[in-house]
Protein backbone atom coordinates (compact mmCIF):
# COMPACT_ATOMS: atom_id res chain seq x y z
CA MET A 1 -13.88 16.28 17.48
CA GLU A 2 -12.97 12.60 17.09
CA ALA A 3 -15.89 12.04 14.66
CA GLU A 4 -14.84 15.07 12.63
CA SER A 5 -11.28 13.80 12.56
CA ASP A 6 -12.39 10.38 11.38
CA PHE A 7 -14.59 11.88 8.70
CA LEU A 8 -11.72 14.12 7.48
CA GLY A 9 -9.40 11.11 7.53
CA ALA A 10 -11.77 9.26 5.27
CA GLN A 11 -12.03 12.17 2.89
CA LEU A 12 -8.24 12.55 2.67
CA GLN A 13 -7.60 8.84 2.23
CA GLY A 14 -5.39 8.24 -0.80
CA THR A 15 -4.84 11.95 -1.61
CA TYR A 16 -1.58 13.75 -2.09
CA ILE A 17 -2.15 15.58 1.23
CA GLN A 18 -2.74 12.26 3.07
CA ARG A 19 0.57 10.97 1.66
CA GLN A 20 2.37 14.16 2.78
CA LEU A 21 0.85 13.82 6.25
CA ALA A 22 2.18 10.21 6.44
CA ARG A 23 5.58 11.13 5.00
CA THR A 24 6.21 14.00 7.39
CA ASN A 25 4.87 12.02 10.39
CA ARG A 26 7.29 9.19 9.47
CA ASN A 27 10.22 11.56 9.18
CA PHE A 28 9.40 13.27 12.47
CA PHE A 29 9.01 9.89 14.17
CA LEU A 30 12.39 8.63 12.82
CA VAL A 31 14.06 11.73 14.26
CA GLY A 32 12.61 10.91 17.67
CA LEU A 33 13.62 7.27 17.39
CA GLY A 34 17.07 8.28 16.16
CA LEU A 35 17.59 10.49 19.26
CA ILE A 36 16.61 7.61 21.53
CA VAL A 37 18.93 5.22 19.69
CA ALA A 38 21.83 7.77 19.90
CA VAL A 39 21.41 8.27 23.63
CA THR A 40 21.06 4.53 24.26
CA SER A 41 24.09 3.77 22.10
CA TYR A 42 26.15 6.31 24.10
CA GLY A 43 24.90 4.83 27.39
CA VAL A 44 25.86 1.34 26.28
CA SER A 45 29.33 2.41 25.05
CA ALA A 46 29.98 4.24 28.26
CA SER A 47 28.39 1.63 30.52
CA ARG A 48 31.57 0.93 32.44
CA TYR A 49 31.92 4.64 33.22
CA PHE A 50 28.30 4.99 34.37
CA TYR A 51 28.52 1.88 36.48
CA ASN A 52 31.38 3.53 38.38
CA PHE A 53 29.64 6.90 38.29
CA PHE A 54 26.58 5.60 40.19
CA LYS A 55 28.48 3.16 42.44
CA GLY A 56 30.88 5.82 43.61
CA PRO A 57 34.54 5.44 44.57
CA VAL A 58 35.73 2.19 46.15
CA GLU A 59 38.52 2.29 48.68
CA MET A 60 41.71 0.64 47.42
CA SER A 61 44.73 -0.16 49.64
CA ALA A 62 48.40 0.19 48.67
CA GLU A 63 48.64 -3.63 48.63
CA ALA A 64 45.61 -3.99 46.35
CA ILE A 65 46.72 -1.38 43.86
CA ALA A 66 50.16 -3.00 43.60
CA THR A 67 48.56 -6.16 42.24
CA VAL A 68 46.76 -4.37 39.40
CA ARG A 69 48.36 -5.12 36.04
CA SER A 70 46.18 -2.80 33.96
CA PRO A 71 43.35 -0.43 35.05
CA GLU A 72 41.42 -1.52 31.97
CA THR A 73 40.83 -4.88 33.66
CA LEU A 74 39.12 -3.37 36.65
CA GLU A 75 35.35 -3.27 36.83
CA ARG A 76 35.59 -0.63 39.59
CA TYR A 77 38.22 1.83 38.43
CA PHE A 78 36.77 4.81 40.29
CA VAL A 79 38.75 4.49 43.50
CA SER A 80 39.70 6.31 46.64
CA ILE A 81 43.38 5.94 47.70
CA LYS A 82 45.19 7.18 50.87
CA GLY A 83 48.91 7.39 50.82
CA ASP A 84 51.63 7.82 53.44
CA ASP A 85 52.87 11.06 51.95
CA SER A 86 52.36 13.25 48.89
CA ILE A 87 55.13 15.00 46.96
CA ASP A 88 54.52 17.74 44.44
CA SER A 89 56.36 16.77 41.24
CA GLY A 90 56.49 20.31 39.92
CA LEU A 91 54.91 19.25 36.66
CA GLN A 92 51.74 21.16 35.67
CA TYR A 93 49.13 20.92 32.94
CA VAL A 94 48.87 24.37 31.48
CA GLU A 95 46.30 25.58 28.98
CA LYS A 96 47.57 28.44 26.72
CA GLN A 97 45.81 30.93 24.57
CA VAL A 98 47.96 31.57 21.56
CA SER A 99 47.39 34.29 18.93
CA GLN A 100 47.57 33.58 15.19
CA SER A 101 51.08 35.02 15.20
CA GLY A 102 52.16 32.42 17.80
CA VAL A 103 52.31 34.75 20.75
CA VAL A 104 51.06 33.29 24.08
CA GLU A 105 48.31 35.74 25.19
CA SER A 106 47.43 33.98 28.46
CA GLN A 107 47.90 30.73 30.22
CA THR A 108 46.02 28.88 32.93
CA VAL A 109 47.18 26.04 35.18
CA LYS A 110 44.47 23.43 34.90
CA ALA A 111 46.10 20.64 36.93
CA GLY A 112 49.23 19.62 38.77
CA TYR A 113 50.93 16.25 39.29
CA SER A 114 51.74 14.74 42.71
CA ILE A 115 53.65 11.62 43.66
CA LEU A 116 51.62 9.67 46.16
CA VAL A 117 53.76 7.45 48.48
CA LEU A 118 52.21 4.00 49.00
CA GLY A 119 54.62 2.12 51.20
CA LYS A 120 57.61 1.34 48.95
CA ARG A 121 55.73 2.21 45.70
CA PHE A 122 54.82 5.52 44.08
CA LEU A 123 51.66 6.53 42.28
CA ILE A 124 51.46 9.62 40.04
CA VAL A 125 48.26 11.59 40.65
CA LYS A 126 46.86 14.22 38.39
CA ARG A 127 44.98 16.59 40.65
CA ALA A 128 43.50 20.13 40.91
CA PRO A 129 46.23 22.83 41.10
CA ALA A 130 45.56 23.69 44.79
CA ASP A 131 44.99 20.08 45.91
CA ASN A 132 48.07 18.45 47.32
CA SER A 133 46.80 16.03 50.00
CA LYS A 134 47.51 12.44 50.92
CA GLN A 135 44.11 11.07 49.89
CA TYR A 136 42.54 11.27 46.45
CA GLU A 137 39.66 9.81 44.59
CA GLY A 138 39.49 9.48 40.86
CA ALA A 139 39.95 7.21 37.87
CA LEU A 140 42.80 4.75 37.59
CA MET A 141 44.19 4.82 34.08
CA ASP A 142 47.34 3.79 32.18
CA LEU A 143 50.21 6.18 32.70
CA PRO A 144 50.44 8.52 29.68
CA ALA A 145 53.76 8.42 27.87
CA ASP A 146 54.30 12.17 28.13
CA VAL A 147 53.77 12.14 31.89
CA HIS A 148 56.20 9.20 32.19
CA SER A 149 58.83 11.01 30.16
CA GLN A 150 58.55 14.16 32.29
CA ILE A 151 58.44 12.69 35.76
CA ILE A 152 60.07 9.24 35.71
CA THR A 153 62.53 9.40 32.86
CA PRO A 154 64.51 12.33 34.35
CA LEU A 155 65.10 10.24 37.59
CA LEU A 156 66.60 7.25 35.89
CA PRO A 157 70.21 8.46 35.65
CA ASP A 158 70.42 9.02 39.44
CA TYR A 159 67.81 6.37 40.47
CA PRO A 160 67.97 3.33 38.14
CA ASN A 161 65.27 1.53 40.13
CA ALA A 162 62.75 4.42 39.67
CA GLU A 163 61.01 2.58 36.88
CA ALA A 164 60.22 -0.29 39.19
CA ALA A 165 59.34 1.92 42.12
CA PHE A 166 56.56 3.75 40.19
CA LEU A 167 53.31 1.99 39.50
CA PRO A 168 52.58 1.72 35.78
CA MET A 169 49.38 3.71 36.13
CA MET A 170 48.07 7.13 37.09
CA LEU A 171 45.17 8.35 39.22
CA ASP A 172 43.20 11.07 37.50
CA ALA A 173 41.64 13.03 40.41
CA THR A 174 40.57 16.10 38.44
CA GLY A 175 36.84 15.39 38.43
CA PHE A 176 35.67 11.90 37.59
CA ARG A 177 31.94 12.71 37.70
CA ASP A 178 32.14 15.78 35.42
CA GLU A 179 31.55 13.79 32.31
CA GLY A 180 28.45 12.16 33.88
CA TYR A 181 26.97 15.52 34.76
CA ILE A 182 27.60 16.91 31.35
CA ALA A 183 26.07 13.76 29.80
CA ALA A 184 23.03 14.11 31.97
CA ALA A 185 22.66 17.73 31.07
CA ILE A 186 22.68 16.78 27.37
CA CYS A 187 21.03 13.34 27.28
CA ILE A 188 18.05 14.05 29.57
CA PRO A 189 16.79 16.97 27.43
CA VAL A 190 17.48 15.01 24.28
CA LEU A 191 15.40 12.03 25.61
CA LEU A 192 12.59 14.36 26.66
CA CYS A 193 12.68 15.97 23.22
CA ALA A 194 12.55 12.50 21.60
CA LEU A 195 9.59 11.45 23.72
CA TRP A 196 7.85 14.73 22.94
CA ILE A 197 8.43 14.16 19.21
CA ILE A 198 6.96 10.68 19.39
CA TRP A 199 4.01 11.88 21.45
CA ARG A 200 3.38 14.65 18.82
CA VAL A 201 3.45 12.17 16.02
CA ARG A 202 0.97 9.96 17.86
CA THR A 203 -1.44 12.90 18.41
CA ARG A 204 -1.15 13.91 14.76
CA ILE A 205 -1.98 10.32 13.66
CA GLU A 206 -4.96 10.11 16.01
CA ASN A 207 -6.18 13.56 14.99
CA PRO A 208 -4.88 14.74 11.58
CA LEU A 209 -6.37 18.20 12.35
CA ARG A 210 -3.42 18.72 14.73
CA HIS A 211 -0.99 18.37 11.90
CA PRO A 212 0.57 21.77 10.89
CA ILE A 213 0.05 20.97 7.19
CA LEU A 214 -3.70 20.94 7.76
CA ASN A 215 -3.52 23.98 9.99
CA SER A 216 -1.84 25.96 7.26
CA LEU A 217 -4.26 24.60 4.65
CA SER A 218 -7.36 25.43 6.67
CA ARG A 219 -7.04 29.15 5.94
CA TYR A 220 -8.09 28.44 2.33
CA GLY A 221 -11.51 27.07 3.24
CA SER A 222 -12.77 23.44 3.20
CA LEU A 223 -9.89 21.08 3.81
CA ALA A 224 -11.53 18.31 1.80
CA ASN A 225 -12.06 20.60 -1.26
CA SER A 226 -8.48 21.99 -0.98
CA ALA A 227 -7.12 18.42 -0.72
CA ARG A 228 -9.00 17.25 -3.80
CA GLN A 229 -7.77 20.32 -5.80
CA ILE A 230 -4.15 19.68 -4.73
CA ASP A 231 -4.42 15.97 -5.48
CA ALA A 232 -5.54 16.84 -9.04
CA GLU A 233 -2.56 19.20 -9.45
CA SER A 234 0.13 17.29 -7.61
CA ASN A 235 1.52 15.91 -10.86
CA GLY A 236 1.81 19.41 -12.34
CA LYS A 237 4.92 21.12 -13.58
CA ARG A 238 8.05 20.57 -11.46
CA LEU A 239 10.75 23.12 -11.01
CA GLY A 240 13.24 21.40 -8.70
CA GLU A 241 11.35 20.51 -5.54
CA VAL A 242 8.53 22.91 -6.42
CA VAL A 243 5.28 21.58 -7.85
CA LEU A 244 3.58 24.34 -9.86
CA GLY A 245 -0.08 23.52 -10.48
CA GLN A 246 -2.90 25.51 -12.06
CA THR A 247 -4.02 27.04 -8.78
CA TRP A 248 -1.55 25.64 -6.15
CA ILE A 249 2.15 25.87 -5.55
CA LEU A 250 3.51 22.97 -3.40
CA LEU A 251 6.92 22.84 -1.72
CA PRO A 252 7.50 19.64 0.24
CA SER A 253 10.33 19.50 2.82
CA LEU A 254 11.62 16.98 5.22
CA PHE A 255 9.02 17.68 7.94
CA PHE A 256 6.49 19.92 6.28
CA LEU A 257 4.57 20.87 3.09
CA ARG A 258 4.39 24.53 2.22
CA VAL A 259 1.41 25.43 0.09
CA CYS A 260 0.33 28.58 -1.60
CA HIS A 261 -3.07 29.12 -3.35
CA ILE A 262 -2.10 31.06 -6.46
CA PRO A 263 -5.30 33.22 -6.59
CA ASN A 264 -4.24 34.49 -3.14
CA VAL A 265 -0.85 35.69 -4.23
CA ILE A 266 -0.38 39.40 -3.42
CA TRP A 267 3.37 39.93 -3.99
CA ALA A 268 6.14 37.99 -5.63
CA TYR A 269 9.77 38.80 -6.49
CA LYS A 270 13.15 37.30 -7.26
CA LYS A 271 15.61 37.27 -4.36
CA VAL A 272 19.28 37.42 -5.19
CA THR A 273 21.88 36.61 -2.54
CA LYS A 274 25.57 37.43 -3.22
CA HIS A 275 28.14 35.13 -1.54
CA SER A 276 31.73 35.98 -0.82
CA VAL A 277 34.67 34.55 1.17
CA ASN A 278 36.98 37.14 2.71
CA PHE A 279 35.29 39.81 0.64
CA ILE A 280 35.99 37.84 -2.56
CA PRO A 281 32.77 37.21 -4.57
CA THR A 282 32.08 33.45 -4.94
CA GLY A 283 28.73 33.55 -6.71
CA LYS A 284 25.04 34.22 -6.29
CA SER A 285 21.99 32.17 -5.31
CA TYR A 286 18.41 32.80 -6.34
CA ALA A 287 14.98 32.24 -4.95
CA THR A 288 11.39 33.28 -5.73
CA VAL A 289 9.57 34.82 -2.76
CA ILE A 290 5.77 34.63 -2.94
CA VAL A 291 3.62 36.28 -0.30
CA ASP A 292 -0.10 35.52 -0.06
CA ARG A 293 -2.83 37.73 1.34
CA TYR A 294 -2.24 36.30 4.85
CA GLY A 295 1.27 37.68 4.84
CA ASN A 296 2.92 34.27 4.71
CA PRO A 297 6.10 34.29 2.61
CA LEU A 298 6.97 31.18 0.63
CA GLU A 299 10.64 31.08 -0.50
CA LEU A 300 11.41 28.80 -3.39
CA SER A 301 15.17 28.22 -3.97
CA ALA A 302 15.87 27.87 -7.66
CA THR A 303 18.29 28.68 -10.42
CA GLU A 304 17.96 32.11 -11.92
CA ALA A 305 16.16 30.73 -14.97
CA LYS A 306 13.70 28.73 -12.84
CA ALA A 307 13.07 31.75 -10.60
CA ASN A 308 12.25 33.82 -13.66
CA GLU A 309 10.02 31.06 -15.04
CA ILE A 310 8.05 30.87 -11.76
CA LEU A 311 7.55 34.62 -11.80
CA ARG A 312 6.42 34.50 -15.48
CA VAL A 313 3.87 31.79 -14.67
CA LEU A 314 2.55 33.76 -11.77
CA CYS A 315 2.37 36.94 -13.86
CA ASP A 316 0.20 35.14 -16.38
CA LYS A 317 -2.07 33.70 -13.69
CA VAL A 318 -2.33 36.67 -11.28
CA PRO A 319 -1.41 39.76 -13.28
CA TRP A 320 -3.04 42.01 -10.63
CA ALA A 321 -0.39 41.00 -8.02
CA VAL A 322 2.72 43.10 -7.26
CA PHE A 323 5.89 41.88 -8.90
CA GLY A 324 9.40 42.96 -8.13
CA PHE A 325 11.18 44.21 -5.05
CA SER A 326 12.16 47.62 -3.87
CA GLU A 327 12.77 49.17 -0.40
CA GLU A 328 9.68 51.42 -0.98
CA LEU A 329 7.48 48.41 -1.59
CA SER A 330 8.94 46.49 1.41
CA SER A 331 8.39 49.56 3.68
CA ALA A 332 4.82 50.02 2.45
CA ALA A 333 4.01 46.36 3.02
CA ARG A 334 5.51 46.39 6.50
CA ALA A 335 3.75 49.65 7.44
CA ASP A 336 0.23 48.67 6.31
CA TRP A 337 -0.20 45.11 5.03
CA ALA A 338 -3.96 45.34 5.11
CA GLY A 339 -3.84 48.46 2.92
CA PHE A 340 -1.28 46.77 0.64
CA VAL A 341 -3.65 43.78 0.19
CA ALA A 342 -6.59 46.11 -0.38
CA ALA A 343 -4.70 47.94 -3.16
CA VAL A 344 -3.99 44.58 -4.91
CA ASP A 345 -7.64 43.50 -4.56
CA GLU A 346 -8.72 46.74 -6.15
CA ARG A 347 -6.42 46.16 -9.10
CA ARG A 348 -7.87 42.66 -9.41
CA LEU A 349 -11.44 44.04 -9.62
CA ARG A 350 -10.37 46.47 -12.32
CA SER A 351 -8.57 43.80 -14.33
């Protein structure tokens, strides 16, 4: 197999097909590399969080937390704090489902806010609705302005020293590790996918026969002969991305190369798709659909004029093929493709 692969690689060297193999392998590899870079960049940007995630909560005393000027300066901000008492502030974080007309259809209490007593100081804690204990673990963060305005500001007229009594931060105890679990559930599969992509590219480079382009091309006989024919026609007529040669139709894409051997065309038709927004027509798009004897459809997006031109060229080259679309033709093809092909072959023999 290795000798066959090396021999084929030598025959394909410098051909259009070899360039397409290299191009698609490069693009596929760049996707894998991009995924790795994206996951790595995210990990670096969130390194402080993941450091705390894996280290776990560190116990912090009332005295220690009172010396903290800003949680952003803490390396370990995932903490466990035990207070002398806990007071329900009455403030809740509520998630509402609102209809388009502005009517509240449902609401769910997602969190509550407690005031944790730490000696002579108070710490606001965002916690689960049913959790109102004296000990919490979570992330220390700056006190949000809206929470300050709803808990501390109303106390100031009666308790002028309330501002000084409350610590200028909040403990979010609603699930510090949730983000890490979600990140792991996303990043691990993405990394595995990236490694699989790179492995696939490597196997395709080592053995070109594993490449899907050559797999699709192999149905037409000798790969070397097909590659030479395609190379000779690769500078043929271009209609958008489509290369229309004497005997081959080529449609390169980001990760693949679709090919169709024109003598094997069985059925071709123009596909018209109508587009609308809120039932208001916004236009049409066109494509030429070409089906070979193996039942593989090749859809070539084009303007209406180019779609018509492709069909005209095919009609000149393979007049025995079936042209046009109808539900009867589609049903007949689906019901008995072998019979459909045989009927076209018979027409070809009579032509």
